[in-house]
Amino acid sequence: MNQDSKITMHPFFKEDYILIEYDSINKWISVDWKGYQTEISVKTGANKILEAVIEYQCAKVLNDNTNVVGI
């Protein structure tokens, strides 16, 4: 099996407003925020990111806000 055919992204948490995955090649947490955000969605998402960092023992988070359309 070559490296291109290996699964590198491991889903951790997904809701309409966020996708959190672990990238096993780069050894970071990838976060894609989506749509409109509320205080609750931001707090929940941040706590889930922290849980992922702890579970996967990561020191890096790639935090993408380009798909956020408002607060």
Protein backbone atom coordinates (compact mmCIF):
# COMPACT_ATOMS: atom_id res chain seq x y z
CA MET A 1 0.00 0.00 0.00
CA ASN A 2 1.50 3.34 -0.99
CA GLN A 3 1.19 6.52 1.08
CA ASP A 4 -1.41 8.03 -1.29
CA SER A 5 -3.87 5.25 -0.57
CA LYS A 6 -3.60 5.50 3.23
CA ILE A 7 -6.32 7.26 5.17
CA THR A 8 -4.76 10.38 6.66
CA MET A 9 -7.81 12.25 7.99
CA HIS A 10 -9.59 10.73 10.97
CA PRO A 11 -12.95 12.33 11.87
CA PHE A 12 -13.26 13.43 15.49
CA PHE A 13 -16.35 15.69 15.65
CA LYS A 14 -18.83 16.93 13.05
CA GLU A 15 -21.81 19.26 13.27
CA ASP A 16 -23.37 21.66 10.76
CA TYR A 17 -21.08 24.44 12.03
CA ILE A 18 -17.74 22.59 12.38
CA LEU A 19 -15.66 19.63 11.24
CA ILE A 20 -12.75 18.48 13.42
CA GLU A 21 -10.37 15.83 12.09
CA TYR A 22 -6.97 14.43 12.99
CA ASP A 23 -4.40 14.48 10.18
CA SER A 24 -2.11 11.52 10.89
CA ILE A 25 0.45 12.51 8.25
CA ASN A 26 0.98 16.07 9.49
CA LYS A 27 0.13 15.18 13.11
CA TRP A 28 -2.23 18.09 13.62
CA ILE A 29 -5.89 18.75 14.30
CA SER A 30 -7.68 20.21 11.28
CA VAL A 31 -10.69 22.40 12.03
CA ASP A 32 -13.14 23.72 9.42
CA TRP A 33 -15.68 26.19 10.84
CA LYS A 34 -18.79 26.59 8.65
CA GLY A 35 -21.78 28.89 8.29
CA TYR A 36 -23.07 31.17 11.03
CA GLN A 37 -21.54 30.89 14.49
CA THR A 38 -23.12 31.54 17.87
CA GLU A 39 -21.54 31.94 21.28
CA ILE A 40 -22.60 28.37 22.07
CA SER A 41 -21.22 26.91 18.81
CA VAL A 42 -17.88 28.67 19.32
CA LYS A 43 -17.56 27.48 22.93
CA THR A 44 -18.63 23.94 22.05
CA GLY A 45 -16.27 23.84 19.07
CA ALA A 46 -13.34 25.15 21.12
CA ASN A 47 -13.94 22.53 23.81
CA LYS A 48 -14.10 19.78 21.18
CA ILE A 49 -10.82 21.02 19.65
CA LEU A 50 -9.22 20.82 23.10
CA GLU A 51 -10.54 17.27 23.53
CA ALA A 52 -9.02 16.29 20.16
CA VAL A 53 -5.67 17.88 21.04
CA ILE A 54 -5.59 15.87 24.27
CA GLU A 55 -6.75 12.60 22.69
CA TYR A 56 -4.27 12.74 19.80
CA GLN A 57 -1.53 14.49 21.84
CA CYS A 58 -1.09 17.20 19.21
CA ALA A 59 0.80 20.44 19.50
CA LYS A 60 -0.65 21.94 16.28
CA VAL A 61 -4.11 22.99 15.14
CA LEU A 62 -4.93 24.12 11.60
CA ASN A 63 -7.93 26.40 12.19
CA ASP A 64 -9.83 27.36 9.01
CA ASN A 65 -12.47 30.11 9.25
CA THR A 66 -12.85 30.75 5.52
CA ASN A 67 -16.29 29.08 5.44
CA VAL A 68 -17.72 31.17 8.29
CA VAL A 69 -20.36 33.55 6.93
CA GLY A 70 -21.22 35.45 10.12
CA ILE A 71 -21.74 35.55 13.83
